[in-house]
Amino acid sequence: MEFLITNLLWWHWIAFGIVLVVAEIFVPLFVIIWFGLSAIIVGILTLFFTLSFNINFAIWIILSTILLALWFKYFKKESIDKSGQDDFRLDTKGVVTEDIKKGYKGKVHFDMPVLGSSDWYATSDEDIESGQRVEIDEVNGQLLKVKKIQRS
């Protein structure tokens, strides 16, 4: 550890950051990239300012935390619910293509694929005519339950 503290140069931080950014390609969680970008920023700061390892490490931890927090707070699309099969949003909207009668199946075409497909059989607690806009209410195995979109 002492060797690392005394011999760490600016380009080591940048190389470490690049390794982490490249690792994001193989582990696509979109989390590792923030640690990599923070390391690159620390490397650039160390190039222009003489900073100790402890300060560099503290800056790296603080930057990583801030970037992760910003990612989760402002940019990551928040999932409303998960079925355990895929990460999709329950508020995905679609159009009824075959009438849905209460207690019977109809068909819905969604604007974005849901669990890998845009067309799904669906049920509803109310009658919904073909052409009506709907959104997912809940997932019941391979059958989706939908509801009409309430207009404001």
N, C-alpha and C. Protein backbone atom coordinates (compact mmCIF):
# COMPACT_ATOMS: atom_id res chain seq x y z
N MET A 1 0.82 -1.19 0.00
CA MET A 1 0.00 0.00 0.00
C MET A 1 0.87 1.26 0.00
N GLU A 2 1.98 1.19 0.73
CA GLU A 2 2.87 2.35 0.77
C GLU A 2 3.46 2.64 -0.60
N PHE A 3 3.76 1.58 -1.36
CA PHE A 3 4.27 1.76 -2.72
C PHE A 3 3.23 2.49 -3.57
N LEU A 4 1.97 2.12 -3.42
CA LEU A 4 0.89 2.76 -4.17
C LEU A 4 0.77 4.23 -3.80
N ILE A 5 0.85 4.53 -2.54
CA ILE A 5 0.70 5.90 -2.07
C ILE A 5 1.84 6.79 -2.57
N THR A 6 3.05 6.26 -2.59
CA THR A 6 4.20 7.09 -2.97
C THR A 6 4.46 7.14 -4.47
N ASN A 7 4.02 6.15 -5.23
CA ASN A 7 4.37 6.08 -6.65
C ASN A 7 3.20 6.26 -7.61
N LEU A 8 2.05 6.62 -7.12
CA LEU A 8 0.88 6.78 -7.97
C LEU A 8 0.96 8.10 -8.74
N LEU A 9 0.92 8.03 -10.06
CA LEU A 9 1.00 9.21 -10.91
C LEU A 9 -0.37 9.52 -11.51
N TRP A 10 -0.47 10.68 -12.14
CA TRP A 10 -1.73 11.13 -12.73
C TRP A 10 -2.24 10.14 -13.77
N TRP A 11 -1.35 9.58 -14.56
CA TRP A 11 -1.80 8.70 -15.64
C TRP A 11 -2.29 7.36 -15.12
N HIS A 12 -1.90 6.99 -13.88
CA HIS A 12 -2.43 5.77 -13.27
C HIS A 12 -3.94 5.91 -13.04
N TRP A 13 -4.34 7.11 -12.57
CA TRP A 13 -5.76 7.36 -12.35
C TRP A 13 -6.53 7.30 -13.67
N ILE A 14 -5.96 7.90 -14.71
CA ILE A 14 -6.65 7.89 -16.01
C ILE A 14 -6.73 6.48 -16.56
N ALA A 15 -5.65 5.71 -16.45
CA ALA A 15 -5.67 4.31 -16.91
C ALA A 15 -6.69 3.50 -16.12
N PHE A 16 -6.74 3.70 -14.80
CA PHE A 16 -7.73 3.02 -13.96
C PHE A 16 -9.15 3.40 -14.39
N GLY A 17 -9.36 4.68 -14.66
CA GLY A 17 -10.68 5.14 -15.13
C GLY A 17 -11.06 4.52 -16.45
N ILE A 18 -10.12 4.45 -17.38
CA ILE A 18 -10.41 3.84 -18.69
C ILE A 18 -10.75 2.36 -18.53
N VAL A 19 -10.02 1.66 -17.66
CA VAL A 19 -10.32 0.24 -17.40
C VAL A 19 -11.74 0.09 -16.86
N LEU A 20 -12.15 0.97 -15.95
CA LEU A 20 -13.51 0.90 -15.40
C LEU A 20 -14.56 1.22 -16.46
N VAL A 21 -14.30 2.21 -17.29
CA VAL A 21 -15.26 2.56 -18.36
C VAL A 21 -15.39 1.40 -19.33
N VAL A 22 -14.28 0.77 -19.69
CA VAL A 22 -14.32 -0.39 -20.59
C VAL A 22 -15.02 -1.56 -19.91
N ALA A 23 -14.83 -1.72 -18.61
CA ALA A 23 -15.51 -2.80 -17.87
C ALA A 23 -17.02 -2.64 -17.95
N GLU A 24 -17.49 -1.41 -18.07
CA GLU A 24 -18.94 -1.15 -18.18
C GLU A 24 -19.51 -1.81 -19.43
N ILE A 25 -18.71 -1.95 -20.47
CA ILE A 25 -19.17 -2.62 -21.69
C ILE A 25 -19.51 -4.07 -21.42
N PHE A 26 -18.73 -4.72 -20.57
CA PHE A 26 -18.93 -6.13 -20.28
C PHE A 26 -19.91 -6.39 -19.14
N VAL A 27 -20.11 -5.40 -18.29
CA VAL A 27 -21.06 -5.50 -17.19
C VAL A 27 -21.99 -4.30 -17.31
N PRO A 28 -22.98 -4.37 -18.20
CA PRO A 28 -23.78 -3.18 -18.52
C PRO A 28 -24.81 -2.80 -17.45
N LEU A 29 -24.31 -2.35 -16.31
CA LEU A 29 -25.20 -1.91 -15.24
C LEU A 29 -25.34 -0.39 -15.21
N PHE A 30 -24.49 0.28 -15.95
CA PHE A 30 -24.41 1.73 -16.00
C PHE A 30 -24.15 2.30 -14.61
N VAL A 31 -23.29 1.62 -13.87
CA VAL A 31 -22.87 2.07 -12.55
C VAL A 31 -21.36 2.23 -12.52
N ILE A 32 -20.64 1.25 -13.06
CA ILE A 32 -19.17 1.27 -13.04
C ILE A 32 -18.62 2.48 -13.78
N ILE A 33 -19.34 2.93 -14.79
CA ILE A 33 -18.87 4.06 -15.60
C ILE A 33 -18.64 5.30 -14.75
N TRP A 34 -19.45 5.51 -13.71
CA TRP A 34 -19.31 6.71 -12.88
C TRP A 34 -18.03 6.65 -12.06
N PHE A 35 -17.63 5.47 -11.62
CA PHE A 35 -16.36 5.31 -10.92
C PHE A 35 -15.20 5.58 -11.88
N GLY A 36 -15.35 5.11 -13.13
CA GLY A 36 -14.32 5.34 -14.13
C GLY A 36 -14.17 6.81 -14.50
N LEU A 37 -15.30 7.47 -14.71
CA LEU A 37 -15.24 8.90 -15.04
C LEU A 37 -14.65 9.70 -13.88
N SER A 38 -14.98 9.32 -12.67
CA SER A 38 -14.42 10.00 -11.49
C SER A 38 -12.90 9.81 -11.44
N ALA A 39 -12.43 8.61 -11.74
CA ALA A 39 -10.99 8.36 -11.74
C ALA A 39 -10.29 9.18 -12.82
N ILE A 40 -10.91 9.30 -13.98
CA ILE A 40 -10.33 10.12 -15.05
C ILE A 40 -10.26 11.58 -14.62
N ILE A 41 -11.31 12.07 -13.98
CA ILE A 41 -11.30 13.46 -13.49
C ILE A 41 -10.21 13.65 -12.44
N VAL A 42 -10.04 12.68 -11.53
CA VAL A 42 -8.97 12.77 -10.53
C VAL A 42 -7.61 12.78 -11.22
N GLY A 43 -7.43 11.98 -12.26
CA GLY A 43 -6.17 11.97 -13.01
C GLY A 43 -5.88 13.31 -13.64
N ILE A 44 -6.91 13.94 -14.21
CA ILE A 44 -6.73 15.26 -14.82
C ILE A 44 -6.39 16.30 -13.74
N LEU A 45 -7.07 16.25 -12.60
CA LEU A 45 -6.76 17.18 -11.50
C LEU A 45 -5.33 16.99 -11.01
N THR A 46 -4.90 15.73 -10.90
CA THR A 46 -3.55 15.43 -10.43
C THR A 46 -2.49 15.89 -11.42
N LEU A 47 -2.83 15.92 -12.69
CA LEU A 47 -1.91 16.42 -13.72
C LEU A 47 -1.61 17.90 -13.50
N PHE A 48 -2.61 18.66 -13.10
CA PHE A 48 -2.45 20.11 -12.95
C PHE A 48 -2.12 20.55 -11.52
N PHE A 49 -2.49 19.75 -10.52
CA PHE A 49 -2.25 20.11 -9.12
C PHE A 49 -1.54 18.96 -8.42
N THR A 50 -0.63 19.29 -7.52
CA THR A 50 0.05 18.27 -6.73
C THR A 50 -0.82 17.93 -5.54
N LEU A 51 -1.38 16.72 -5.58
CA LEU A 51 -2.28 16.28 -4.51
C LEU A 51 -1.78 14.96 -3.94
N SER A 52 -1.98 14.76 -2.65
CA SER A 52 -1.58 13.49 -2.02
C SER A 52 -2.55 12.38 -2.42
N PHE A 53 -2.10 11.16 -2.18
CA PHE A 53 -2.95 10.01 -2.50
C PHE A 53 -4.26 10.08 -1.72
N ASN A 54 -4.20 10.44 -0.45
CA ASN A 54 -5.41 10.51 0.38
C ASN A 54 -6.41 11.51 -0.18
N ILE A 55 -5.92 12.65 -0.63
CA ILE A 55 -6.82 13.65 -1.21
C ILE A 55 -7.38 13.13 -2.54
N ASN A 56 -6.52 12.53 -3.37
CA ASN A 56 -7.00 11.95 -4.63
C ASN A 56 -8.09 10.91 -4.38
N PHE A 57 -7.82 10.04 -3.41
CA PHE A 57 -8.78 8.98 -3.11
C PHE A 57 -10.10 9.56 -2.59
N ALA A 58 -10.01 10.57 -1.74
CA ALA A 58 -11.21 11.22 -1.21
C ALA A 58 -12.00 11.90 -2.33
N ILE A 59 -11.30 12.58 -3.23
CA ILE A 59 -11.98 13.22 -4.37
C ILE A 59 -12.66 12.16 -5.23
N TRP A 60 -11.97 11.04 -5.47
CA TRP A 60 -12.54 9.96 -6.28
C TRP A 60 -13.82 9.41 -5.64
N ILE A 61 -13.78 9.16 -4.35
CA ILE A 61 -14.96 8.64 -3.65
C ILE A 61 -16.10 9.65 -3.70
N ILE A 62 -15.80 10.91 -3.43
CA ILE A 62 -16.84 11.95 -3.40
C ILE A 62 -17.44 12.14 -4.80
N LEU A 63 -16.58 12.24 -5.83
CA LEU A 63 -17.08 12.38 -7.20
C LEU A 63 -17.93 11.18 -7.63
N SER A 64 -17.46 9.98 -7.31
CA SER A 64 -18.21 8.77 -7.66
C SER A 64 -19.59 8.78 -7.01
N THR A 65 -19.64 9.16 -5.74
CA THR A 65 -20.91 9.22 -5.02
C THR A 65 -21.85 10.26 -5.63
N ILE A 66 -21.30 11.43 -5.94
CA ILE A 66 -22.12 12.50 -6.53
C ILE A 66 -22.65 12.08 -7.90
N LEU A 67 -21.78 11.52 -8.75
CA LEU A 67 -22.22 11.11 -10.09
C LEU A 67 -23.27 10.00 -10.03
N LEU A 68 -23.07 9.04 -9.13
CA LEU A 68 -24.07 7.97 -8.96
C LEU A 68 -25.40 8.54 -8.48
N ALA A 69 -25.34 9.43 -7.51
CA ALA A 69 -26.57 10.03 -6.98
C ALA A 69 -27.30 10.80 -8.07
N LEU A 70 -26.55 11.58 -8.84
CA LEU A 70 -27.17 12.34 -9.93
C LEU A 70 -27.80 11.41 -10.96
N TRP A 71 -27.10 10.32 -11.29
CA TRP A 71 -27.62 9.35 -12.25
C TRP A 71 -28.94 8.76 -11.77
N PHE A 72 -28.99 8.31 -10.54
CA PHE A 72 -30.21 7.69 -10.03
C PHE A 72 -31.33 8.70 -9.80
N LYS A 73 -30.98 9.93 -9.43
CA LYS A 73 -32.01 10.92 -9.14
C LYS A 73 -32.60 11.54 -10.39
N TYR A 74 -31.77 11.90 -11.37
CA TYR A 74 -32.25 12.70 -12.48
C TYR A 74 -32.33 11.99 -13.83
N PHE A 75 -31.51 10.99 -14.05
CA PHE A 75 -31.42 10.44 -15.39
C PHE A 75 -31.96 9.03 -15.55
N LYS A 76 -31.82 8.19 -14.56
CA LYS A 76 -32.28 6.81 -14.70
C LYS A 76 -33.79 6.77 -14.72
N LYS A 77 -34.34 6.07 -15.73
CA LYS A 77 -35.78 5.92 -15.85
C LYS A 77 -36.27 5.04 -14.70
N GLU A 78 -37.16 5.57 -13.92
CA GLU A 78 -37.63 4.87 -12.74
C GLU A 78 -38.65 3.81 -13.12
N SER A 79 -38.42 2.59 -12.67
CA SER A 79 -39.34 1.50 -12.93
C SER A 79 -40.47 1.55 -11.91
N ILE A 80 -41.70 1.49 -12.36
CA ILE A 80 -42.84 1.53 -11.45
C ILE A 80 -43.01 0.17 -10.78
N ASP A 81 -42.84 -0.87 -11.53
CA ASP A 81 -43.00 -2.21 -10.98
C ASP A 81 -42.26 -3.18 -11.87
N LYS A 82 -41.90 -4.30 -11.30
CA LYS A 82 -41.23 -5.34 -12.08
C LYS A 82 -42.03 -6.62 -11.93
N SER A 83 -42.11 -7.36 -13.02
CA SER A 83 -42.82 -8.62 -12.96
C SER A 83 -41.89 -9.75 -12.56
N GLY A 84 -40.59 -9.45 -12.47
CA GLY A 84 -39.62 -10.49 -12.20
C GLY A 84 -39.07 -11.06 -13.49
N GLN A 85 -39.65 -10.71 -14.62
CA GLN A 85 -39.20 -11.24 -15.91
C GLN A 85 -38.39 -10.21 -16.67
N ASP A 86 -38.66 -8.95 -16.48
CA ASP A 86 -38.00 -7.91 -17.25
C ASP A 86 -38.23 -6.58 -16.54
N ASP A 87 -37.44 -5.61 -16.90
CA ASP A 87 -37.58 -4.29 -16.31
C ASP A 87 -38.39 -3.43 -17.27
N PHE A 88 -39.65 -3.28 -17.01
CA PHE A 88 -40.51 -2.46 -17.86
C PHE A 88 -41.38 -1.62 -16.96
N ARG A 89 -41.97 -0.62 -17.54
CA ARG A 89 -42.81 0.28 -16.76
C ARG A 89 -44.27 -0.12 -16.91
N LEU A 90 -45.00 -0.12 -15.80
CA LEU A 90 -46.42 -0.46 -15.84
C LEU A 90 -47.23 0.61 -16.56
N ASP A 91 -46.70 1.81 -16.67
CA ASP A 91 -47.47 2.85 -17.35
C ASP A 91 -47.24 2.86 -18.86
N THR A 92 -46.71 1.76 -19.41
CA THR A 92 -46.53 1.64 -20.85
C THR A 92 -47.90 1.72 -21.52
N LYS A 93 -48.00 2.54 -22.53
CA LYS A 93 -49.29 2.78 -23.17
C LYS A 93 -49.41 2.00 -24.48
N GLY A 94 -50.66 1.73 -24.86
CA GLY A 94 -50.92 1.01 -26.09
C GLY A 94 -52.33 1.27 -26.60
N VAL A 95 -52.66 0.57 -27.69
CA VAL A 95 -53.97 0.72 -28.31
C VAL A 95 -54.62 -0.66 -28.39
N VAL A 96 -55.89 -0.74 -28.03
CA VAL A 96 -56.62 -2.00 -28.11
C VAL A 96 -56.86 -2.31 -29.59
N THR A 97 -56.45 -3.50 -30.03
CA THR A 97 -56.64 -3.90 -31.43
C THR A 97 -57.79 -4.90 -31.57
N GLU A 98 -58.14 -5.60 -30.51
CA GLU A 98 -59.32 -6.47 -30.47
C GLU A 98 -60.09 -6.11 -29.20
N ASP A 99 -61.39 -5.86 -29.33
CA ASP A 99 -62.21 -5.45 -28.18
C ASP A 99 -61.93 -6.32 -26.95
N ILE A 100 -61.91 -5.67 -25.80
CA ILE A 100 -61.75 -6.38 -24.53
C ILE A 100 -63.08 -6.27 -23.79
N LYS A 101 -63.71 -7.40 -23.58
CA LYS A 101 -64.94 -7.45 -22.80
C LYS A 101 -64.58 -7.87 -21.38
N LYS A 102 -65.28 -7.31 -20.40
CA LYS A 102 -65.01 -7.63 -19.00
C LYS A 102 -65.05 -9.15 -18.81
N GLY A 103 -63.95 -9.69 -18.28
CA GLY A 103 -63.87 -11.12 -18.03
C GLY A 103 -63.35 -11.92 -19.22
N TYR A 104 -63.11 -11.29 -20.37
CA TYR A 104 -62.61 -11.99 -21.56
C TYR A 104 -61.33 -11.31 -22.05
N LYS A 105 -60.62 -12.04 -22.90
CA LYS A 105 -59.37 -11.51 -23.45
C LYS A 105 -59.62 -10.70 -24.71
N GLY A 106 -58.79 -9.70 -24.88
CA GLY A 106 -58.73 -8.93 -26.12
C GLY A 106 -57.26 -8.77 -26.45
N LYS A 107 -56.96 -7.96 -27.45
CA LYS A 107 -55.57 -7.81 -27.84
C LYS A 107 -55.18 -6.33 -27.81
N VAL A 108 -53.93 -6.07 -27.40
CA VAL A 108 -53.41 -4.71 -27.29
C VAL A 108 -52.06 -4.63 -27.99
N HIS A 109 -51.86 -3.54 -28.73
CA HIS A 109 -50.55 -3.25 -29.33
C HIS A 109 -49.94 -2.09 -28.54
N PHE A 110 -48.77 -2.34 -27.90
CA PHE A 110 -48.13 -1.33 -27.07
C PHE A 110 -47.15 -0.49 -27.87
N ASP A 111 -46.99 0.77 -27.46
CA ASP A 111 -46.10 1.70 -28.13
C ASP A 111 -44.64 1.24 -28.06
N MET A 112 -44.28 0.65 -26.94
CA MET A 112 -42.93 0.10 -26.74
C MET A 112 -43.08 -1.37 -26.38
N PRO A 113 -42.12 -2.21 -26.80
CA PRO A 113 -42.22 -3.63 -26.45
C PRO A 113 -42.29 -3.85 -24.94
N VAL A 114 -43.12 -4.77 -24.54
CA VAL A 114 -43.27 -5.16 -23.15
C VAL A 114 -42.85 -6.62 -23.06
N LEU A 115 -41.86 -6.89 -22.25
CA LEU A 115 -41.34 -8.26 -22.09
C LEU A 115 -41.02 -8.88 -23.45
N GLY A 116 -40.51 -8.07 -24.37
CA GLY A 116 -40.04 -8.57 -25.65
C GLY A 116 -41.05 -8.57 -26.78
N SER A 117 -42.27 -8.16 -26.55
CA SER A 117 -43.27 -8.16 -27.61
C SER A 117 -44.14 -6.90 -27.52
N SER A 118 -44.61 -6.44 -28.67
CA SER A 118 -45.48 -5.26 -28.69
C SER A 118 -46.95 -5.63 -28.64
N ASP A 119 -47.30 -6.85 -29.04
CA ASP A 119 -48.69 -7.30 -29.08
C ASP A 119 -48.93 -8.32 -27.97
N TRP A 120 -49.98 -8.06 -27.18
CA TRP A 120 -50.29 -8.92 -26.04
C TRP A 120 -51.78 -9.12 -25.91
N TYR A 121 -52.13 -10.30 -25.41
CA TYR A 121 -53.51 -10.53 -25.00
C TYR A 121 -53.67 -9.87 -23.65
N ALA A 122 -54.82 -9.27 -23.44
CA ALA A 122 -55.04 -8.53 -22.20
C ALA A 122 -56.47 -8.68 -21.73
N THR A 123 -56.66 -8.46 -20.43
CA THR A 123 -57.99 -8.44 -19.83
C THR A 123 -58.19 -7.07 -19.19
N SER A 124 -59.41 -6.82 -18.76
CA SER A 124 -59.71 -5.56 -18.10
C SER A 124 -60.91 -5.73 -17.18
N ASP A 125 -61.05 -4.83 -16.23
CA ASP A 125 -62.21 -4.83 -15.34
C ASP A 125 -63.39 -4.11 -15.96
N GLU A 126 -63.23 -3.63 -17.19
CA GLU A 126 -64.30 -2.91 -17.90
C GLU A 126 -64.23 -3.24 -19.39
N ASP A 127 -65.30 -2.97 -20.09
CA ASP A 127 -65.30 -3.17 -21.54
C ASP A 127 -64.50 -2.04 -22.19
N ILE A 128 -63.62 -2.44 -23.11
CA ILE A 128 -62.81 -1.45 -23.83
C ILE A 128 -62.88 -1.78 -25.31
N GLU A 129 -63.29 -0.78 -26.11
CA GLU A 129 -63.43 -1.00 -27.55
C GLU A 129 -62.09 -0.87 -28.27
N SER A 130 -62.03 -1.45 -29.44
CA SER A 130 -60.86 -1.36 -30.30
C SER A 130 -60.57 0.11 -30.61
N GLY A 131 -59.29 0.48 -30.59
CA GLY A 131 -58.89 1.85 -30.87
C GLY A 131 -58.71 2.69 -29.62
N GLN A 132 -59.19 2.21 -28.47
CA GLN A 132 -59.07 2.95 -27.20
C GLN A 132 -57.64 2.86 -26.67
N ARG A 133 -57.10 3.98 -26.15
CA ARG A 133 -55.77 3.99 -25.54
C ARG A 133 -55.86 3.41 -24.13
N VAL A 134 -54.88 2.55 -23.81
CA VAL A 134 -54.84 1.89 -22.51
C VAL A 134 -53.41 1.90 -21.97
N GLU A 135 -53.29 1.58 -20.69
CA GLU A 135 -51.99 1.37 -20.08
C GLU A 135 -52.06 0.13 -19.20
N ILE A 136 -50.91 -0.45 -18.91
CA ILE A 136 -50.86 -1.68 -18.12
C ILE A 136 -51.25 -1.37 -16.68
N ASP A 137 -52.14 -2.20 -16.15
CA ASP A 137 -52.56 -2.08 -14.76
C ASP A 137 -51.78 -3.08 -13.90
N GLU A 138 -51.66 -4.31 -14.37
CA GLU A 138 -50.87 -5.32 -13.67
C GLU A 138 -50.52 -6.45 -14.62
N VAL A 139 -49.55 -7.28 -14.19
CA VAL A 139 -49.10 -8.41 -14.99
C VAL A 139 -49.51 -9.68 -14.26
N ASN A 140 -50.21 -10.56 -14.97
CA ASN A 140 -50.64 -11.85 -14.42
C ASN A 140 -50.03 -12.95 -15.28
N GLY A 141 -48.78 -13.31 -15.01
CA GLY A 141 -48.10 -14.32 -15.81
C GLY A 141 -47.91 -13.84 -17.24
N GLN A 142 -48.52 -14.53 -18.20
CA GLN A 142 -48.41 -14.16 -19.62
C GLN A 142 -49.60 -13.33 -20.08
N LEU A 143 -50.41 -12.89 -19.16
CA LEU A 143 -51.60 -12.10 -19.49
C LEU A 143 -51.51 -10.75 -18.79
N LEU A 144 -51.71 -9.69 -19.55
CA LEU A 144 -51.66 -8.35 -18.98
C LEU A 144 -53.06 -7.85 -18.68
N LYS A 145 -53.19 -7.13 -17.59
CA LYS A 145 -54.45 -6.48 -17.27
C LYS A 145 -54.25 -5.00 -17.58
N VAL A 146 -55.17 -4.42 -18.35
CA VAL A 146 -55.04 -3.03 -18.76
C VAL A 146 -56.20 -2.20 -18.25
N LYS A 147 -56.02 -0.89 -18.31
CA LYS A 147 -57.10 0.03 -17.96
C LYS A 147 -57.06 1.18 -18.94
N LYS A 148 -58.22 1.82 -19.11
CA LYS A 148 -58.31 2.99 -19.98
C LYS A 148 -57.44 4.10 -19.42
N ILE A 149 -56.89 4.89 -20.32
CA ILE A 149 -56.13 6.06 -19.89
C ILE A 149 -57.12 7.15 -19.54
N GLN A 150 -57.02 7.66 -18.34
CA GLN A 150 -57.90 8.71 -17.88
C GLN A 150 -57.43 10.05 -18.45
N ARG A 151 -58.28 10.72 -19.16
CA ARG A 151 -57.94 12.03 -19.75
C ARG A 151 -58.20 13.11 -18.71
N SER A 152 -57.27 14.05 -18.63
CA SER A 152 -57.40 15.14 -17.65
C SER A 152 -58.19 16.28 -18.22
